[in-house]
Amino acid sequence: MAAESSEMAKRVRNFVVVAIASLLSIALVLGLQTRSPAASLSEMAEATVPLDSALANGKPTLIEFYANWCTSCQAMAPDIQQLKTDYGNRVNFVMLNVDNTKWLPEMLNYRVDGIPHFEFLTADSLESGAAIGELPRAILAENLEALIKRQPLPHAQISGKVSDIATAANPVSPPDADPRSHGAQVID
């Protein structure tokens, strides 16, 4: 009997070890699937409507000018993803990376001098307003609702915390300027 009891204890111990190993493996796999905000922004951009398609398909459009290094862009990524989930069947979502010189004409056209920069375009691709900087999701949602209903945007020219960028229209920056400062000034 002592042998049977010892064998049963070994089986229970082995079962517990296997169970713990399985839980740790699951935790490890889930942990490895966690993505950095920059990767999330890039993935989100790849999943958006191409600009030329958005301008031609007859739906209102939200263009976001962003950069992977922009902490405000990263902070807003979950809200933008939720807005895309809520409004994606009625509004085009387009993301243009300001670090890609391909988008310089659009940056100049929409006067992008800080990010995140959101342009709201009507179904006819006409400018309806802009929102600049880190803003609450509710503000952007109210603008999207108005855009869908072809009404004036309630927050047509609103600004939050931004990351400054230099463009061809503004090529000179102070030597101590850091685009990641979000407009904060360094006082010596």
Protein backbone atom coordinates (compact mmCIF):
# COMPACT_ATOMS: atom_id res chain seq x y z
CA MET A 1 0.00 0.00 0.00
CA ALA A 2 2.82 2.35 0.77
CA ALA A 3 4.11 1.78 -2.77
CA GLU A 4 0.69 2.61 -4.26
CA SER A 5 0.44 5.74 -2.15
CA SER A 6 3.94 6.80 -3.19
CA GLU A 7 3.10 6.15 -6.86
CA MET A 8 -0.11 8.21 -6.53
CA ALA A 9 1.83 11.11 -4.96
CA LYS A 10 4.30 11.04 -7.89
CA ARG A 11 1.44 11.14 -10.40
CA VAL A 12 -0.20 14.08 -8.62
CA ARG A 13 3.16 15.90 -8.46
CA ASN A 14 3.77 15.23 -12.18
CA PHE A 15 0.28 16.44 -13.03
CA VAL A 16 0.86 19.67 -11.06
CA VAL A 17 4.23 20.20 -12.80
CA VAL A 18 2.65 19.68 -16.23
CA ALA A 19 -0.23 22.03 -15.38
CA ILE A 20 2.14 24.78 -14.19
CA ALA A 21 4.39 24.31 -17.24
CA SER A 22 1.34 24.60 -19.51
CA LEU A 23 0.18 27.81 -17.83
CA LEU A 24 3.67 29.31 -18.08
CA SER A 25 3.83 28.37 -21.77
CA ILE A 26 0.49 30.07 -22.44
CA ALA A 27 1.64 33.16 -20.54
CA LEU A 28 4.87 33.23 -22.54
CA VAL A 29 3.05 32.95 -25.88
CA LEU A 30 0.62 35.72 -24.93
CA GLY A 31 3.51 37.87 -23.72
CA LEU A 32 5.37 37.44 -27.01
CA GLN A 33 2.29 38.52 -28.93
CA THR A 34 2.30 41.91 -27.21
CA ARG A 35 3.35 44.50 -29.75
CA SER A 36 5.09 47.81 -29.29
CA PRO A 37 3.04 50.96 -30.02
CA ALA A 38 5.23 51.75 -33.05
CA ALA A 39 4.52 48.32 -34.51
CA SER A 40 0.84 48.84 -33.84
CA LEU A 41 0.85 52.18 -35.69
CA SER A 42 2.59 50.58 -38.68
CA GLU A 43 0.13 47.70 -38.70
CA MET A 44 -2.80 50.07 -38.37
CA ALA A 45 -1.48 52.12 -41.30
CA GLU A 46 -1.15 49.03 -43.48
CA ALA A 47 -4.78 48.15 -42.74
CA THR A 48 -6.19 51.55 -43.72
CA VAL A 49 -7.72 52.59 -47.02
CA PRO A 50 -5.14 53.87 -49.55
CA LEU A 51 -5.41 57.64 -49.97
CA ASP A 52 -6.28 57.56 -53.68
CA SER A 53 -9.08 55.03 -53.04
CA ALA A 54 -10.43 57.06 -50.14
CA LEU A 55 -10.57 60.23 -52.24
CA ALA A 56 -12.49 58.44 -55.00
CA ASN A 57 -14.98 56.14 -53.24
CA GLY A 58 -17.62 58.69 -52.22
CA LYS A 59 -17.31 58.21 -48.44
CA PRO A 60 -16.13 60.82 -45.94
CA THR A 61 -12.48 60.41 -44.95
CA LEU A 62 -10.39 60.87 -41.83
CA ILE A 63 -6.70 61.28 -42.65
CA GLU A 64 -4.26 60.91 -39.77
CA PHE A 65 -0.72 62.20 -40.22
CA TYR A 66 1.45 60.32 -37.72
CA ALA A 67 4.95 59.00 -36.96
CA ASN A 68 5.97 55.83 -35.16
CA TRP A 69 8.13 57.84 -32.70
CA CYS A 70 5.27 60.20 -31.76
CA THR A 71 4.18 59.42 -28.21
CA SER A 72 0.85 61.22 -28.71
CA CYS A 73 0.20 59.12 -31.83
CA GLN A 74 1.02 55.98 -29.86
CA ALA A 75 -1.23 57.05 -26.98
CA MET A 76 -4.13 57.66 -29.36
CA ALA A 77 -3.70 54.39 -31.31
CA PRO A 78 -6.24 52.41 -29.25
CA ASP A 79 -8.82 55.20 -29.61
CA ILE A 80 -8.24 55.44 -33.35
CA GLN A 81 -8.61 51.68 -33.65
CA GLN A 82 -11.89 51.83 -31.72
CA LEU A 83 -13.15 54.67 -33.93
CA LYS A 84 -12.25 52.61 -36.99
CA THR A 85 -14.23 49.70 -35.54
CA ASP A 86 -17.21 51.97 -34.83
CA TYR A 87 -17.18 54.03 -38.04
CA GLY A 88 -15.10 52.06 -40.55
CA ASN A 89 -18.09 51.04 -42.66
CA ARG A 90 -19.16 54.70 -43.08
CA VAL A 91 -15.83 56.59 -43.06
CA ASN A 92 -12.48 55.95 -44.76
CA PHE A 93 -9.58 55.84 -42.32
CA VAL A 94 -6.24 56.79 -43.90
CA MET A 95 -2.90 56.98 -42.08
CA LEU A 96 0.06 58.81 -43.63
CA ASN A 97 3.49 58.59 -41.98
CA VAL A 98 5.17 62.01 -41.96
CA ASP A 99 8.59 60.33 -42.03
CA ASN A 100 7.81 59.08 -45.55
CA THR A 101 8.70 61.86 -48.03
CA LYS A 102 6.10 60.40 -50.41
CA TRP A 103 3.48 62.26 -48.33
CA LEU A 104 5.24 65.66 -48.41
CA PRO A 105 2.77 67.14 -50.97
CA GLU A 106 -0.16 66.13 -48.74
CA MET A 107 1.62 67.48 -45.65
CA LEU A 108 2.09 70.82 -47.39
CA ASN A 109 -1.46 70.83 -48.77
CA TYR A 110 -3.01 70.23 -45.34
CA ARG A 111 -0.46 72.45 -43.55
CA VAL A 112 0.78 69.69 -41.25
CA ASP A 113 3.18 71.21 -38.73
CA GLY A 114 2.50 68.96 -35.75
CA ILE A 115 1.31 65.41 -35.20
CA PRO A 116 -0.98 63.72 -34.79
CA HIS A 117 -2.82 65.82 -37.35
CA PHE A 118 -6.31 64.74 -38.40
CA GLU A 119 -7.99 66.03 -41.57
CA PHE A 120 -11.72 65.52 -42.01
CA LEU A 121 -12.81 65.34 -45.64
CA THR A 122 -16.36 65.27 -46.94
CA ALA A 123 -17.64 62.52 -49.22
CA ASP A 124 -16.63 64.86 -52.08
CA SER A 125 -13.04 64.97 -50.69
CA LEU A 126 -13.36 68.60 -49.60
CA GLU A 127 -11.71 69.81 -46.38
CA SER A 128 -14.22 70.05 -43.57
CA GLY A 129 -11.87 70.75 -40.66
CA ALA A 130 -8.83 69.56 -38.77
CA ALA A 131 -7.96 68.36 -35.30
CA ILE A 132 -4.38 68.49 -34.18
CA GLY A 133 -2.71 66.76 -31.27
CA GLU A 134 -3.65 64.25 -28.62
CA LEU A 135 -7.40 64.55 -28.20
CA PRO A 136 -10.13 62.57 -26.47
CA ARG A 137 -11.85 59.94 -28.62
CA ALA A 138 -15.21 61.64 -27.95
CA ILE A 139 -14.04 64.81 -29.76
CA LEU A 140 -13.04 62.84 -32.85
CA ALA A 141 -16.25 60.78 -32.68
CA GLU A 142 -18.37 63.95 -32.60
CA ASN A 143 -16.53 65.21 -35.69
CA LEU A 144 -17.04 61.88 -37.46
CA GLU A 145 -20.77 61.90 -36.66
CA ALA A 146 -21.09 65.41 -38.10
CA LEU A 147 -19.04 64.43 -41.15
CA ILE A 148 -21.31 61.45 -41.84
CA LYS A 149 -24.42 63.65 -41.48
CA ARG A 150 -22.87 66.32 -43.75
CA GLN A 151 -23.06 68.87 -40.93
CA PRO A 152 -20.45 71.40 -39.78
CA LEU A 153 -17.88 69.82 -37.49
CA PRO A 154 -18.39 70.77 -33.83
CA HIS A 155 -14.62 70.74 -33.31
CA ALA A 156 -13.41 71.94 -36.71
CA GLN A 157 -10.12 73.52 -35.61
CA ILE A 158 -9.16 72.01 -32.25
CA SER A 159 -5.65 71.45 -30.92
CA GLY A 160 -4.19 69.20 -28.23
CA LYS A 161 -0.63 68.11 -27.38
CA VAL A 162 1.40 67.77 -30.60
CA SER A 163 4.81 66.67 -31.81
CA ASP A 164 6.42 69.33 -34.01
CA ILE A 165 7.77 68.31 -37.39
CA ALA A 166 9.89 70.15 -39.93
CA THR A 167 8.70 70.22 -43.53
CA ALA A 168 10.00 71.82 -46.71
CA ALA A 169 7.85 74.86 -45.85
CA ASN A 170 9.57 75.09 -42.44
CA PRO A 171 13.03 73.57 -42.95
CA VAL A 172 14.90 75.39 -40.18
CA SER A 173 14.48 74.40 -36.55
CA PRO A 174 16.29 75.75 -33.52
CA PRO A 175 19.40 73.63 -32.87
CA ASP A 176 18.01 72.38 -29.55
CA ALA A 177 14.56 71.50 -30.92
CA ASP A 178 13.46 67.92 -30.34
CA PRO A 179 10.44 66.73 -32.33
CA ARG A 180 9.60 64.35 -29.47
CA SER A 181 9.14 67.28 -27.06
CA HIS A 182 5.50 67.80 -28.08
CA GLY A 183 5.99 71.53 -28.02
CA ALA A 184 7.58 71.71 -24.56
CA GLN A 185 10.23 74.38 -24.29
CA VAL A 186 13.52 73.72 -22.55
CA ILE A 187 14.47 76.53 -20.15
CA ASP A 188 18.15 76.78 -19.32
